[in-house]
């Protein structure tokens, strides 16, 4: 078989494997952005799932407010985890509580 006749799925499969391997390497070294944020599960009244992160200069804009994109990411993470928790049989819809605390 010539290169021109190669199965395009083989190339896509190889690319996915390479991306997965690179991702696993980043995770193994603790270098993934979400690992660096050090999100914590916390107890929150009335919530099935609550996640917290410390707000410090690494995650704030020049005015001292939490970066909007990070806030959206926090909501996305909590929502994704809530969906997974629902798939495992907890109450649906789960009550969630993303929060941020000052590093001061």
C-alpha atoms as a PDB file:
ATOM      1  CA  UNK A   1       0.000   0.000   0.000  1.00  0.00           C
ATOM      2  CA  UNK A   2       1.374   3.423  -0.894  1.00  0.00           C
ATOM      3  CA  UNK A   3       1.236   6.473   1.330  1.00  0.00           C
ATOM      4  CA  UNK A   4      -1.460   7.937  -0.889  1.00  0.00           C
ATOM      5  CA  UNK A   5      -3.625   4.895  -0.238  1.00  0.00           C
ATOM      6  CA  UNK A   6      -3.010   4.819   3.540  1.00  0.00           C
ATOM      7  CA  UNK A   7      -6.081   4.617   5.724  1.00  0.00           C
ATOM      8  CA  UNK A   8      -6.857   8.136   7.037  1.00  0.00           C
ATOM      9  CA  UNK A   9      -8.217   6.579  10.240  1.00  0.00           C
ATOM     10  CA  UNK A  10      -4.702   5.299  11.026  1.00  0.00           C
ATOM     11  CA  UNK A  11      -3.356   8.854  11.018  1.00  0.00           C
ATOM     12  CA  UNK A  12      -6.196  10.131  13.202  1.00  0.00           C
ATOM     13  CA  UNK A  13      -5.747   7.228  15.604  1.00  0.00           C
ATOM     14  CA  UNK A  14      -2.004   7.890  15.863  1.00  0.00           C
ATOM     15  CA  UNK A  15      -2.669  11.585  16.485  1.00  0.00           C
ATOM     16  CA  UNK A  16      -5.141  10.764  19.290  1.00  0.00           C
ATOM     17  CA  UNK A  17      -2.641   8.410  20.903  1.00  0.00           C
ATOM     18  CA  UNK A  18       0.096  11.062  20.725  1.00  0.00           C
ATOM     19  CA  UNK A  19      -2.180  13.678  22.315  1.00  0.00           C
ATOM     20  CA  UNK A  20      -3.281  11.240  25.034  1.00  0.00           C
ATOM     21  CA  UNK A  21       0.339  10.309  25.791  1.00  0.00           C
ATOM     22  CA  UNK A  22       1.365  13.973  26.008  1.00  0.00           C
ATOM     23  CA  UNK A  23      -1.598  14.679  28.325  1.00  0.00           C
ATOM     24  CA  UNK A  24      -0.702  11.760  30.593  1.00  0.00           C
ATOM     25  CA  UNK A  25       2.878  13.050  30.794  1.00  0.00           C
ATOM     26  CA  UNK A  26       1.666  16.505  31.853  1.00  0.00           C
ATOM     27  CA  UNK A  27      -0.583  14.941  34.505  1.00  0.00           C
ATOM     28  CA  UNK A  28       2.260  12.769  35.807  1.00  0.00           C
ATOM     29  CA  UNK A  29       4.449  15.826  36.395  1.00  0.00           C
ATOM     30  CA  UNK A  30       1.681  17.872  38.071  1.00  0.00           C
ATOM     31  CA  UNK A  31       1.911  20.471  35.338  1.00  0.00           C
ATOM     32  CA  UNK A  32      -1.729  20.526  34.251  1.00  0.00           C
ATOM     33  CA  UNK A  33      -3.442  23.890  34.809  1.00  0.00           C
ATOM     34  CA  UNK A  34      -6.275  22.353  36.796  1.00  0.00           C
ATOM     35  CA  UNK A  35      -3.774  20.602  39.088  1.00  0.00           C
ATOM     36  CA  UNK A  36      -2.023  23.909  39.665  1.00  0.00           C
ATOM     37  CA  UNK A  37      -5.296  25.568  40.691  1.00  0.00           C
ATOM     38  CA  UNK A  38      -5.526  23.173  43.632  1.00  0.00           C
ATOM     39  CA  UNK A  39      -9.319  22.935  43.653  1.00  0.00           C
ATOM     40  CA  UNK A  40     -10.683  21.514  46.898  1.00  0.00           C
ATOM     41  CA  UNK A  41     -13.907  19.742  47.725  1.00  0.00           C
ATOM     42  CA  UNK A  42     -15.561  21.432  50.699  1.00  0.00           C
ATOM     43  CA  UNK A  43     -18.760  21.000  52.679  1.00  0.00           C
ATOM     44  CA  UNK A  44     -21.511  23.501  51.909  1.00  0.00           C
ATOM     45  CA  UNK A  45     -24.952  23.514  53.480  1.00  0.00           C
ATOM     46  CA  UNK A  46     -27.557  22.279  51.015  1.00  0.00           C
ATOM     47  CA  UNK A  47     -25.033  21.273  48.345  1.00  0.00           C
ATOM     48  CA  UNK A  48     -24.250  17.758  47.175  1.00  0.00           C
ATOM     49  CA  UNK A  49     -20.967  19.013  45.725  1.00  0.00           C
ATOM     50  CA  UNK A  50     -18.966  22.124  46.585  1.00  0.00           C
ATOM     51  CA  UNK A  51     -15.573  23.034  45.123  1.00  0.00           C
ATOM     52  CA  UNK A  52     -13.356  25.859  46.324  1.00  0.00           C
ATOM     53  CA  UNK A  53     -10.152  27.498  45.198  1.00  0.00           C
ATOM     54  CA  UNK A  54      -8.015  30.167  46.802  1.00  0.00           C
ATOM     55  CA  UNK A  55      -8.057  33.482  44.981  1.00  0.00           C
ATOM     56  CA  UNK A  56      -4.579  34.989  44.829  1.00  0.00           C
ATOM     57  CA  UNK A  57      -2.519  36.972  42.329  1.00  0.00           C
ATOM     58  CA  UNK A  58      -2.139  33.938  40.047  1.00  0.00           C
ATOM     59  CA  UNK A  59      -5.847  33.920  39.222  1.00  0.00           C
ATOM     60  CA  UNK A  60      -6.888  37.575  39.403  1.00  0.00           C
ATOM     61  CA  UNK A  61      -6.953  40.313  36.820  1.00  0.00           C
ATOM     62  CA  UNK A  62      -5.171  43.672  37.312  1.00  0.00           C
ATOM     63  CA  UNK A  63      -8.189  44.986  39.267  1.00  0.00           C
ATOM     64  CA  UNK A  64      -7.935  42.116  41.764  1.00  0.00           C
ATOM     65  CA  UNK A  65     -11.065  40.269  40.624  1.00  0.00           C
ATOM     66  CA  UNK A  66     -11.156  36.590  39.719  1.00  0.00           C
ATOM     67  CA  UNK A  67     -10.471  36.115  36.006  1.00  0.00           C
ATOM     68  CA  UNK A  68     -13.814  35.642  34.240  1.00  0.00           C
ATOM     69  CA  UNK A  69     -12.543  32.713  32.222  1.00  0.00           C
ATOM     70  CA  UNK A  70     -11.452  30.967  35.407  1.00  0.00           C
ATOM     71  CA  UNK A  71     -14.858  31.511  36.952  1.00  0.00           C
ATOM     72  CA  UNK A  72     -16.436  29.929  33.871  1.00  0.00           C
ATOM     73  CA  UNK A  73     -13.956  27.042  34.153  1.00  0.00           C
ATOM     74  CA  UNK A  74     -14.857  26.527  37.823  1.00  0.00           C
ATOM     75  CA  UNK A  75     -18.557  26.394  36.939  1.00  0.00           C
ATOM     76  CA  UNK A  76     -17.774  23.966  34.082  1.00  0.00           C
ATOM     77  CA  UNK A  77     -15.776  21.668  36.381  1.00  0.00           C
ATOM     78  CA  UNK A  78     -18.470  21.624  39.061  1.00  0.00           C
ATOM     79  CA  UNK A  79     -21.227  21.052  36.503  1.00  0.00           C
ATOM     80  CA  UNK A  80     -19.278  18.202  34.899  1.00  0.00           C
ATOM     81  CA  UNK A  81     -18.639  16.569  38.240  1.00  0.00           C
ATOM     82  CA  UNK A  82     -22.305  16.990  39.145  1.00  0.00           C
ATOM     83  CA  UNK A  83     -23.340  15.210  35.957  1.00  0.00           C
ATOM     84  CA  UNK A  84     -20.912  12.375  36.714  1.00  0.00           C
ATOM     85  CA  UNK A  85     -22.217  12.165  40.285  1.00  0.00           C
ATOM     86  CA  UNK A  86     -25.770  11.966  38.928  1.00  0.00           C
ATOM     87  CA  UNK A  87     -24.716   9.162  36.640  1.00  0.00           C
ATOM     88  CA  UNK A  88     -23.480   7.292  39.731  1.00  0.00           C
ATOM     89  CA  UNK A  89     -26.876   7.478  41.400  1.00  0.00           C
ATOM     90  CA  UNK A  90     -26.805  10.517  43.683  1.00  0.00           C
ATOM     91  CA  UNK A  91     -29.784  12.848  43.846  1.00  0.00           C
ATOM     92  CA  UNK A  92     -30.682  14.509  40.553  1.00  0.00           C
ATOM     93  CA  UNK A  93     -30.305  17.312  39.896  1.00  0.00           C
ATOM     94  CA  UNK A  94     -27.416  17.639  42.330  1.00  0.00           C
ATOM     95  CA  UNK A  95     -27.126  20.882  44.266  1.00  0.00           C
ATOM     96  CA  UNK A  96     -23.740  22.445  43.542  1.00  0.00           C
ATOM     97  CA  UNK A  97     -21.788  25.308  45.031  1.00  0.00           C
ATOM     98  CA  UNK A  98     -18.671  26.611  43.280  1.00  0.00           C
ATOM     99  CA  UNK A  99     -16.932  29.159  45.503  1.00  0.00           C
ATOM    100  CA  UNK A 100     -13.737  31.109  45.782  1.00  0.00           C
ATOM    101  CA  UNK A 101     -11.996  32.321  48.902  1.00  0.00           C
ATOM    102  CA  UNK A 102      -9.479  35.079  49.335  1.00  0.00           C
ATOM    103  CA  UNK A 103      -5.851  34.046  49.654  1.00  0.00           C
ATOM    104  CA  UNK A 104      -5.352  36.814  52.208  1.00  0.00           C
END
